[in-house]
Amino acid sequence: GEPSILLHTTDSGASWSRIPLSEKLPGLPNTILALG
């Protein structure tokens, strides 16, 4: 989401951890797709 934020869970959302994103990231996070 925006402002730049990335959240990750490994337990179906029972808990969420925030993962830092680079300040040099071009633009703001828009879409995310879990691949595996």
PDB file of all heavy atoms in Angstrom:
ATOM      1  N   GLY A   1       0.815  -1.204   0.000  1.00  0.00           N
ATOM      2  CA  GLY A   1       0.000   0.000   0.000  1.00  0.00           C
ATOM      3  C   GLY A   1       0.849   1.253   0.000  1.00  0.00           C
ATOM      4  O   GLY A   1       2.065   1.205  -0.173  1.00  0.00           O
ATOM      5  N   GLU A   2       0.169   2.371   0.186  1.00  0.00           N
ATOM      6  CA  GLU A   2       0.839   3.666   0.178  1.00  0.00           C
ATOM      7  C   GLU A   2       0.354   4.541   1.324  1.00  0.00           C
ATOM      8  O   GLU A   2      -0.798   4.425   1.731  1.00  0.00           O
ATOM      9  CB  GLU A   2       0.595   4.377  -1.170  1.00  0.00           C
ATOM     10  CG  GLU A   2      -0.860   4.477  -1.562  1.00  0.00           C
ATOM     11  CD  GLU A   2      -1.051   5.004  -2.972  1.00  0.00           C
ATOM     12  OE1 GLU A   2      -0.619   4.333  -3.928  1.00  0.00           O
ATOM     13  OE2 GLU A   2      -1.633   6.102  -3.087  1.00  0.00           O
ATOM     14  N   PRO A   3       1.253   5.396   1.882  1.00  0.00           N
ATOM     15  CA  PRO A   3       2.681   5.475   1.595  1.00  0.00           C
ATOM     16  C   PRO A   3       3.336   4.090   1.677  1.00  0.00           C
ATOM     17  O   PRO A   3       2.755   3.174   2.240  1.00  0.00           O
ATOM     18  CB  PRO A   3       3.216   6.412   2.677  1.00  0.00           C
ATOM     19  CG  PRO A   3       2.032   7.194   3.159  1.00  0.00           C
ATOM     20  CD  PRO A   3       0.872   6.267   3.022  1.00  0.00           C
ATOM     21  N   SER A   4       4.542   3.995   1.122  1.00  0.00           N
ATOM     22  CA  SER A   4       5.173   2.687   0.905  1.00  0.00           C
ATOM     23  C   SER A   4       5.102   1.790   2.133  1.00  0.00           C
ATOM     24  O   SER A   4       5.629   2.115   3.202  1.00  0.00           O
ATOM     25  CB  SER A   4       6.634   2.885   0.507  1.00  0.00           C
ATOM     26  OG  SER A   4       6.723   3.449  -0.779  1.00  0.00           O
ATOM     27  N   ILE A   5       4.439   0.655   1.955  1.00  0.00           N
ATOM     28  CA  ILE A   5       4.341  -0.324   3.037  1.00  0.00           C
ATOM     29  C   ILE A   5       4.215  -1.720   2.432  1.00  0.00           C
ATOM     30  O   ILE A   5       3.571  -1.915   1.399  1.00  0.00           O
ATOM     31  CB  ILE A   5       3.142  -0.022   3.969  1.00  0.00           C
ATOM     32  CG1 ILE A   5       3.187  -0.944   5.192  1.00  0.00           C
ATOM     33  CG2 ILE A   5       1.812  -0.139   3.240  1.00  0.00           C
ATOM     34  CD1 ILE A   5       2.213  -0.552   6.290  1.00  0.00           C
ATOM     35  N   LEU A   6       4.879  -2.680   3.079  1.00  0.00           N
ATOM     36  CA  LEU A   6       4.829  -4.087   2.681  1.00  0.00           C
ATOM     37  C   LEU A   6       4.658  -4.929   3.934  1.00  0.00           C
ATOM     38  O   LEU A   6       5.459  -4.839   4.874  1.00  0.00           O
ATOM     39  CB  LEU A   6       6.116  -4.482   1.949  1.00  0.00           C
ATOM     40  CG  LEU A   6       6.299  -5.971   1.634  1.00  0.00           C
ATOM     41  CD1 LEU A   6       5.235  -6.458   0.666  1.00  0.00           C
ATOM     42  CD2 LEU A   6       7.698  -6.227   1.071  1.00  0.00           C
ATOM     43  N   LEU A   7       3.589  -5.735   3.963  1.00  0.00           N
ATOM     44  CA  LEU A   7       3.316  -6.620   5.081  1.00  0.00           C
ATOM     45  C   LEU A   7       3.368  -8.071   4.607  1.00  0.00           C
ATOM     46  O   LEU A   7       3.000  -8.382   3.481  1.00  0.00           O
ATOM     47  CB  LEU A   7       1.940  -6.327   5.674  1.00  0.00           C
ATOM     48  CG  LEU A   7       1.687  -4.896   6.158  1.00  0.00           C
ATOM     49  CD1 LEU A   7       0.253  -4.728   6.616  1.00  0.00           C
ATOM     50  CD2 LEU A   7       2.649  -4.520   7.279  1.00  0.00           C
ATOM     51  N   HIS A   8       3.802  -8.970   5.525  1.00  0.00           N
ATOM     52  CA  HIS A   8       4.004 -10.374   5.165  1.00  0.00           C
ATOM     53  C   HIS A   8       3.489 -11.249   6.291  1.00  0.00           C
ATOM     54  O   HIS A   8       3.640 -10.925   7.473  1.00  0.00           O
ATOM     55  CB  HIS A   8       5.506 -10.618   4.933  1.00  0.00           C
ATOM     56  CG  HIS A   8       5.832 -12.016   4.530  1.00  0.00           C
ATOM     57  ND1 HIS A   8       6.813 -12.765   5.154  1.00  0.00           N
ATOM     58  CD2 HIS A   8       5.307 -12.821   3.561  1.00  0.00           C
ATOM     59  CE1 HIS A   8       6.895 -13.951   4.583  1.00  0.00           C
ATOM     60  NE2 HIS A   8       5.997 -14.018   3.619  1.00  0.00           N
ATOM     61  N   THR A   9       2.831 -12.356   5.936  1.00  0.00           N
ATOM     62  CA  THR A   9       2.371 -13.326   6.919  1.00  0.00           C
ATOM     63  C   THR A   9       2.695 -14.727   6.444  1.00  0.00           C
ATOM     64  O   THR A   9       2.696 -15.004   5.239  1.00  0.00           O
ATOM     65  CB  THR A   9       0.855 -13.198   7.166  1.00  0.00           C
ATOM     66  OG1 THR A   9       0.459 -14.164   8.154  1.00  0.00           O
ATOM     67  CG2 THR A   9       0.055 -13.456   5.899  1.00  0.00           C
ATOM     68  N   THR A  10       2.980 -15.612   7.397  1.00  0.00           N
ATOM     69  CA  THR A  10       3.203 -17.024   7.076  1.00  0.00           C
ATOM     70  C   THR A  10       2.202 -17.912   7.805  1.00  0.00           C
ATOM     71  O   THR A  10       2.304 -19.141   7.743  1.00  0.00           O
ATOM     72  CB  THR A  10       4.641 -17.455   7.448  1.00  0.00           C
ATOM     73  OG1 THR A  10       4.872 -17.187   8.834  1.00  0.00           O
ATOM     74  CG2 THR A  10       5.664 -16.714   6.591  1.00  0.00           C
ATOM     75  N   ASP A  11       1.233 -17.282   8.485  1.00  0.00           N
ATOM     76  CA  ASP A  11       0.251 -18.056   9.252  1.00  0.00           C
ATOM     77  C   ASP A  11      -1.178 -17.639   8.911  1.00  0.00           C
ATOM     78  O   ASP A  11      -2.031 -17.522   9.780  1.00  0.00           O
ATOM     79  CB  ASP A  11       0.509 -17.919  10.753  1.00  0.00           C
ATOM     80  CG  ASP A  11       0.573 -16.458  11.216  1.00  0.00           C
ATOM     81  OD1 ASP A  11       0.140 -15.571  10.451  1.00  0.00           O
ATOM     82  OD2 ASP A  11       1.051 -16.221  12.340  1.00  0.00           O
ATOM     83  N   SER A  12      -1.413 -17.412   7.618  1.00  0.00           N
ATOM     84  CA  SER A  12      -2.744 -17.080   7.097  1.00  0.00           C
ATOM     85  C   SER A  12      -3.294 -15.754   7.631  1.00  0.00           C
ATOM     86  O   SER A  12      -4.495 -15.526   7.591  1.00  0.00           O
ATOM     87  CB  SER A  12      -3.740 -18.211   7.402  1.00  0.00           C
ATOM     88  OG  SER A  12      -3.365 -19.387   6.741  1.00  0.00           O
ATOM     89  N   GLY A  13      -2.413 -14.902   8.155  1.00  0.00           N
ATOM     90  CA  GLY A  13      -2.858 -13.602   8.623  1.00  0.00           C
ATOM     91  C   GLY A  13      -3.086 -13.519  10.115  1.00  0.00           C
ATOM     92  O   GLY A  13      -3.515 -12.473  10.610  1.00  0.00           O
ATOM     93  N   ALA A  14      -2.799 -14.581  10.848  1.00  0.00           N
ATOM     94  CA  ALA A  14      -2.912 -14.504  12.305  1.00  0.00           C
ATOM     95  C   ALA A  14      -1.957 -13.457  12.845  1.00  0.00           C
ATOM     96  O   ALA A  14      -2.249 -12.767  13.834  1.00  0.00           O
ATOM     97  CB  ALA A  14      -2.625 -15.868  12.930  1.00  0.00           C
ATOM     98  N   SER A  15      -0.818 -13.285  12.181  1.00  0.00           N
ATOM     99  CA  SER A  15       0.134 -12.225  12.525  1.00  0.00           C
ATOM    100  C   SER A  15       0.743 -11.683  11.237  1.00  0.00           C
ATOM    101  O   SER A  15       0.905 -12.418  10.265  1.00  0.00           O
ATOM    102  CB  SER A  15       1.230 -12.758  13.460  1.00  0.00           C
ATOM    103  OG  SER A  15       1.981 -13.783  12.813  1.00  0.00           O
ATOM    104  N   TRP A  16       1.055 -10.393  11.242  1.00  0.00           N
ATOM    105  CA  TRP A  16       1.650  -9.738  10.091  1.00  0.00           C
ATOM    106  C   TRP A  16       2.938  -9.045  10.510  1.00  0.00           C
ATOM    107  O   TRP A  16       2.977  -8.390  11.552  1.00  0.00           O
ATOM    108  CB  TRP A  16       0.695  -8.687   9.500  1.00  0.00           C
ATOM    109  CG  TRP A  16      -0.559  -9.260   8.914  1.00  0.00           C
ATOM    110  CD1 TRP A  16      -1.728  -9.517   9.565  1.00  0.00           C
ATOM    111  CD2 TRP A  16      -0.772  -9.651   7.556  1.00  0.00           C
ATOM    112  NE1 TRP A  16      -2.664 -10.046   8.708  1.00  0.00           N
ATOM    113  CE2 TRP A  16      -2.102 -10.133   7.468  1.00  0.00           C
ATOM    114  CE3 TRP A  16       0.026  -9.642   6.407  1.00  0.00           C
ATOM    115  CZ2 TRP A  16      -2.648 -10.599   6.271  1.00  0.00           C
ATOM    116  CZ3 TRP A  16      -0.516 -10.109   5.213  1.00  0.00           C
ATOM    117  CH2 TRP A  16      -1.829 -10.580   5.154  1.00  0.00           C
ATOM    118  N   SER A  17       3.981  -9.191   9.704  1.00  0.00           N
ATOM    119  CA  SER A  17       5.242  -8.496   9.957  1.00  0.00           C
ATOM    120  C   SER A  17       5.472  -7.466   8.860  1.00  0.00           C
ATOM    121  O   SER A  17       5.103  -7.692   7.702  1.00  0.00           O
ATOM    122  CB  SER A  17       6.416  -9.484  10.006  1.00  0.00           C
ATOM    123  OG  SER A  17       6.530 -10.193   8.780  1.00  0.00           O
ATOM    124  N   ARG A  18       6.067  -6.346   9.256  1.00  0.00           N
ATOM    125  CA  ARG A  18       6.348  -5.294   8.284  1.00  0.00           C
ATOM    126  C   ARG A  18       7.760  -5.452   7.735  1.00  0.00           C
ATOM    127  O   ARG A  18       8.719  -5.608   8.495  1.00  0.00           O
ATOM    128  CB  ARG A  18       6.183  -3.916   8.919  1.00  0.00           C
ATOM    129  CG  ARG A  18       6.384  -2.782   7.933  1.00  0.00           C
ATOM    130  CD  ARG A  18       5.923  -1.459   8.497  1.00  0.00           C
ATOM    131  NE  ARG A  18       6.104  -0.395   7.520  1.00  0.00           N
ATOM    132  CZ  ARG A  18       5.714   0.860   7.709  1.00  0.00           C
ATOM    133  NH1 ARG A  18       5.122   1.209   8.857  1.00  0.00           N
ATOM    134  NH2 ARG A  18       5.913   1.764   6.775  1.00  0.00           N
ATOM    135  N   ILE A  19       7.891  -5.427   6.408  1.00  0.00           N
ATOM    136  CA  ILE A  19       9.184  -5.579   5.750  1.00  0.00           C
ATOM    137  C   ILE A  19       9.607  -4.222   5.184  1.00  0.00           C
ATOM    138  O   ILE A  19       8.855  -3.612   4.416  1.00  0.00           O
ATOM    139  CB  ILE A  19       9.108  -6.624   4.626  1.00  0.00           C
ATOM    140  CG1 ILE A  19       8.721  -7.986   5.218  1.00  0.00           C
ATOM    141  CG2 ILE A  19      10.425  -6.716   3.866  1.00  0.00           C
ATOM    142  CD1 ILE A  19       8.514  -9.067   4.181  1.00  0.00           C
ATOM    143  N   PRO A  20      10.780  -3.729   5.541  1.00  0.00           N
ATOM    144  CA  PRO A  20      11.225  -2.416   5.051  1.00  0.00           C
ATOM    145  C   PRO A  20      11.404  -2.418   3.540  1.00  0.00           C
ATOM    146  O   PRO A  20      11.837  -3.412   2.942  1.00  0.00           O
ATOM    147  CB  PRO A  20      12.561  -2.208   5.763  1.00  0.00           C
ATOM    148  CG  PRO A  20      12.547  -3.154   6.925  1.00  0.00           C
ATOM    149  CD  PRO A  20      11.738  -4.332   6.484  1.00  0.00           C
ATOM    150  N   LEU A  21      11.065  -1.290   2.923  1.00  0.00           N
ATOM    151  CA  LEU A  21      11.276  -1.083   1.497  1.00  0.00           C
ATOM    152  C   LEU A  21      12.281   0.041   1.294  1.00  0.00           C
ATOM    153  O   LEU A  21      12.327   0.995   2.076  1.00  0.00           O
ATOM    154  CB  LEU A  21       9.958  -0.737   0.798  1.00  0.00           C
ATOM    155  CG  LEU A  21       8.929  -1.867   0.692  1.00  0.00           C
ATOM    156  CD1 LEU A  21       7.593  -1.318   0.203  1.00  0.00           C
ATOM    157  CD2 LEU A  21       9.428  -2.961  -0.244  1.00  0.00           C
ATOM    158  N   SER A  22      13.054  -0.055   0.229  1.00  0.00           N
ATOM    159  CA  SER A  22      14.070   0.950  -0.056  1.00  0.00           C
ATOM    160  C   SER A  22      13.436   2.312  -0.332  1.00  0.00           C
ATOM    161  O   SER A  22      12.397   2.406  -1.000  1.00  0.00           O
ATOM    162  CB  SER A  22      14.917   0.524  -1.260  1.00  0.00           C
ATOM    163  OG  SER A  22      15.769   1.576  -1.677  1.00  0.00           O
ATOM    164  N   GLU A  23      14.051   3.367   0.180  1.00  0.00           N
ATOM    165  CA  GLU A  23      13.580   4.719  -0.103  1.00  0.00           C
ATOM    166  C   GLU A  23      13.782   5.083  -1.569  1.00  0.00           C
ATOM    167  O   GLU A  23      13.190   6.036  -2.057  1.00  0.00           O
ATOM    168  CB  GLU A  23      14.307   5.720   0.790  1.00  0.00           C
ATOM    169  CG  GLU A  23      13.999   5.554   2.278  1.00  0.00           C
ATOM    170  CD  GLU A  23      14.704   6.587   3.118  1.00  0.00           C
ATOM    171  OE1 GLU A  23      15.490   7.388   2.545  1.00  0.00           O
ATOM    172  OE2 GLU A  23      14.484   6.593   4.345  1.00  0.00           O
ATOM    173  N   LYS A  24      14.617   4.314  -2.271  1.00  0.00           N
ATOM    174  CA  LYS A  24      14.863   4.567  -3.690  1.00  0.00           C
ATOM    175  C   LYS A  24      13.886   3.829  -4.600  1.00  0.00           C
ATOM    176  O   LYS A  24      14.023   3.889  -5.824  1.00  0.00           O
ATOM    177  CB  LYS A  24      16.302   4.153  -4.035  1.00  0.00           C
ATOM    178  CG  LYS A  24      17.366   4.966  -3.309  1.00  0.00           C
ATOM    179  CD  LYS A  24      18.767   4.533  -3.716  1.00  0.00           C
ATOM    180  CE  LYS A  24      19.827   5.339  -2.984  1.00  0.00           C
ATOM    181  NZ  LYS A  24      21.203   4.922  -3.378  1.00  0.00           N
ATOM    182  N   LEU A  25      12.920   3.155  -4.016  1.00  0.00           N
ATOM    183  CA  LEU A  25      11.930   2.439  -4.815  1.00  0.00           C
ATOM    184  C   LEU A  25      11.208   3.415  -5.740  1.00  0.00           C
ATOM    185  O   LEU A  25      10.641   4.412  -5.287  1.00  0.00           O
ATOM    186  CB  LEU A  25      10.906   1.758  -3.899  1.00  0.00           C
ATOM    187  CG  LEU A  25       9.824   0.930  -4.587  1.00  0.00           C
ATOM    188  CD1 LEU A  25      10.402  -0.374  -5.096  1.00  0.00           C
ATOM    189  CD2 LEU A  25       8.665   0.650  -3.618  1.00  0.00           C
ATOM    190  N   PRO A  26      11.246   3.174  -7.058  1.00  0.00           N
ATOM    191  CA  PRO A  26      10.546   4.075  -7.984  1.00  0.00           C
ATOM    192  C   PRO A  26       9.035   3.940  -7.855  1.00  0.00           C
ATOM    193  O   PRO A  26       8.484   2.861  -8.041  1.00  0.00           O
ATOM    194  CB  PRO A  26      11.036   3.638  -9.361  1.00  0.00           C
ATOM    195  CG  PRO A  26      11.572   2.264  -9.183  1.00  0.00           C
ATOM    196  CD  PRO A  26      11.953   2.098  -7.763  1.00  0.00           C
ATOM    197  N   GLY A  27       8.380   5.032  -7.503  1.00  0.00           N
ATOM    198  CA  GLY A  27       6.945   4.987  -7.310  1.00  0.00           C
ATOM    199  C   GLY A  27       6.573   4.386  -5.970  1.00  0.00           C
ATOM    200  O   GLY A  27       7.417   4.174  -5.085  1.00  0.00           O
ATOM    201  N   LEU A  28       5.290   4.087  -5.811  1.00  0.00           N
ATOM    202  CA  LEU A  28       4.762   3.491  -4.585  1.00  0.00           C
ATOM    203  C   LEU A  28       4.277   2.079  -4.868  1.00  0.00           C
ATOM    204  O   LEU A  28       3.823   1.790  -5.978  1.00  0.00           O
ATOM    205  CB  LEU A  28       3.604   4.337  -4.054  1.00  0.00           C
ATOM    206  CG  LEU A  28       3.931   5.777  -3.678  1.00  0.00           C
ATOM    207  CD1 LEU A  28       2.653   6.557  -3.385  1.00  0.00           C
ATOM    208  CD2 LEU A  28       4.873   5.819  -2.485  1.00  0.00           C
ATOM    209  N   PRO A  29       4.355   1.171  -3.893  1.00  0.00           N
ATOM    210  CA  PRO A  29       3.851  -0.183  -4.114  1.00  0.00           C
ATOM    211  C   PRO A  29       2.399  -0.148  -4.570  1.00  0.00           C
ATOM    212  O   PRO A  29       1.572   0.568  -4.002  1.00  0.00           O
ATOM    213  CB  PRO A  29       3.990  -0.841  -2.743  1.00  0.00           C
ATOM    214  CG  PRO A  29       5.067  -0.066  -2.060  1.00  0.00           C
ATOM    215  CD  PRO A  29       4.915   1.343  -2.545  1.00  0.00           C
ATOM    216  N   ASN A  30       2.080  -0.932  -5.598  1.00  0.00           N
ATOM    217  CA  ASN A  30       0.756  -0.879  -6.212  1.00  0.00           C
ATOM    218  C   ASN A  30       0.049  -2.231  -6.161  1.00  0.00           C
ATOM    219  O   ASN A  30      -1.060  -2.349  -5.661  1.00  0.00           O
ATOM    220  CB  ASN A  30       0.895  -0.398  -7.659  1.00  0.00           C
ATOM    221  CG  ASN A  30      -0.440  -0.174  -8.322  1.00  0.00           C
ATOM    222  OD1 ASN A  30      -1.447   0.038  -7.659  1.00  0.00           O
ATOM    223  ND2 ASN A  30      -0.459  -0.226  -9.645  1.00  0.00           N
ATOM    224  N   THR A  31       0.699  -3.274  -6.695  1.00  0.00           N
ATOM    225  CA  THR A  31       0.129  -4.625  -6.669  1.00  0.00           C
ATOM    226  C   THR A  31       1.147  -5.605  -6.109  1.00  0.00           C
ATOM    227  O   THR A  31       2.359  -5.384  -6.187  1.00  0.00           O
ATOM    228  CB  THR A  31      -0.305  -5.101  -8.069  1.00  0.00           C
ATOM    229  OG1 THR A  31       0.870  -5.313  -8.881  1.00  0.00           O
ATOM    230  CG2 THR A  31      -1.211  -4.078  -8.743  1.00  0.00           C
ATOM    231  N   ILE A  32       0.647  -6.691  -5.547  1.00  0.00           N
ATOM    232  CA  ILE A  32       1.509  -7.769  -5.049  1.00  0.00           C
ATOM    233  C   ILE A  32       0.867  -9.092  -5.429  1.00  0.00           C
ATOM    234  O   ILE A  32      -0.360  -9.234  -5.381  1.00  0.00           O
ATOM    235  CB  ILE A  32       1.710  -7.680  -3.518  1.00  0.00           C
ATOM    236  CG1 ILE A  32       2.777  -8.655  -3.035  1.00  0.00           C
ATOM    237  CG2 ILE A  32       0.406  -7.866  -2.784  1.00  0.00           C
ATOM    238  CD1 ILE A  32       4.181  -8.178  -3.246  1.00  0.00           C
ATOM    239  N   LEU A  33       1.688 -10.056  -5.855  1.00  0.00           N
ATOM    240  CA  LEU A  33       1.190 -11.384  -6.211  1.00  0.00           C
ATOM    241  C   LEU A  33       2.079 -12.429  -5.563  1.00  0.00           C
ATOM    242  O   LEU A  33       3.286 -12.469  -5.813  1.00  0.00           O
ATOM    243  CB  LEU A  33       1.196 -11.586  -7.729  1.00  0.00           C
ATOM    244  CG  LEU A  33       0.732 -12.965  -8.207  1.00  0.00           C
ATOM    245  CD1 LEU A  33      -0.756 -13.171  -7.915  1.00  0.00           C
ATOM    246  CD2 LEU A  33       1.007 -13.152  -9.698  1.00  0.00           C
ATOM    247  N   ALA A  34       1.501 -13.268  -4.707  1.00  0.00           N
ATOM    248  CA  ALA A  34       2.234 -14.373  -4.108  1.00  0.00           C
ATOM    249  C   ALA A  34       2.491 -15.434  -5.173  1.00  0.00           C
ATOM    250  O   ALA A  34       1.568 -15.851  -5.872  1.00  0.00           O
ATOM    251  CB  ALA A  34       1.441 -14.963  -2.949  1.00  0.00           C
ATOM    252  N   LEU A  35       3.740 -15.853  -5.307  1.00  0.00           N
ATOM    253  CA  LEU A  35       4.125 -16.819  -6.345  1.00  0.00           C
ATOM    254  C   LEU A  35       4.402 -18.200  -5.786  1.00  0.00           C
ATOM    255  O   LEU A  35       4.327 -19.187  -6.525  1.00  0.00           O
ATOM    256  CB  LEU A  35       5.359 -16.311  -7.088  1.00  0.00           C
ATOM    257  CG  LEU A  35       5.214 -14.997  -7.860  1.00  0.00           C
ATOM    258  CD1 LEU A  35       6.549 -14.592  -8.474  1.00  0.00           C
ATOM    259  CD2 LEU A  35       4.154 -15.132  -8.947  1.00  0.00           C
ATOM    260  N   GLY A  36       4.746 -18.296  -4.520  1.00  0.00           N
ATOM    261  CA  GLY A  36       5.103 -19.574  -3.926  1.00  0.00           C
ATOM    262  C   GLY A  36       5.809 -19.324  -2.614  1.00  0.00           C
ATOM    263  O   GLY A  36       5.850 -18.189  -2.129  1.00  0.00           O
TER     264      GLY A  36
END
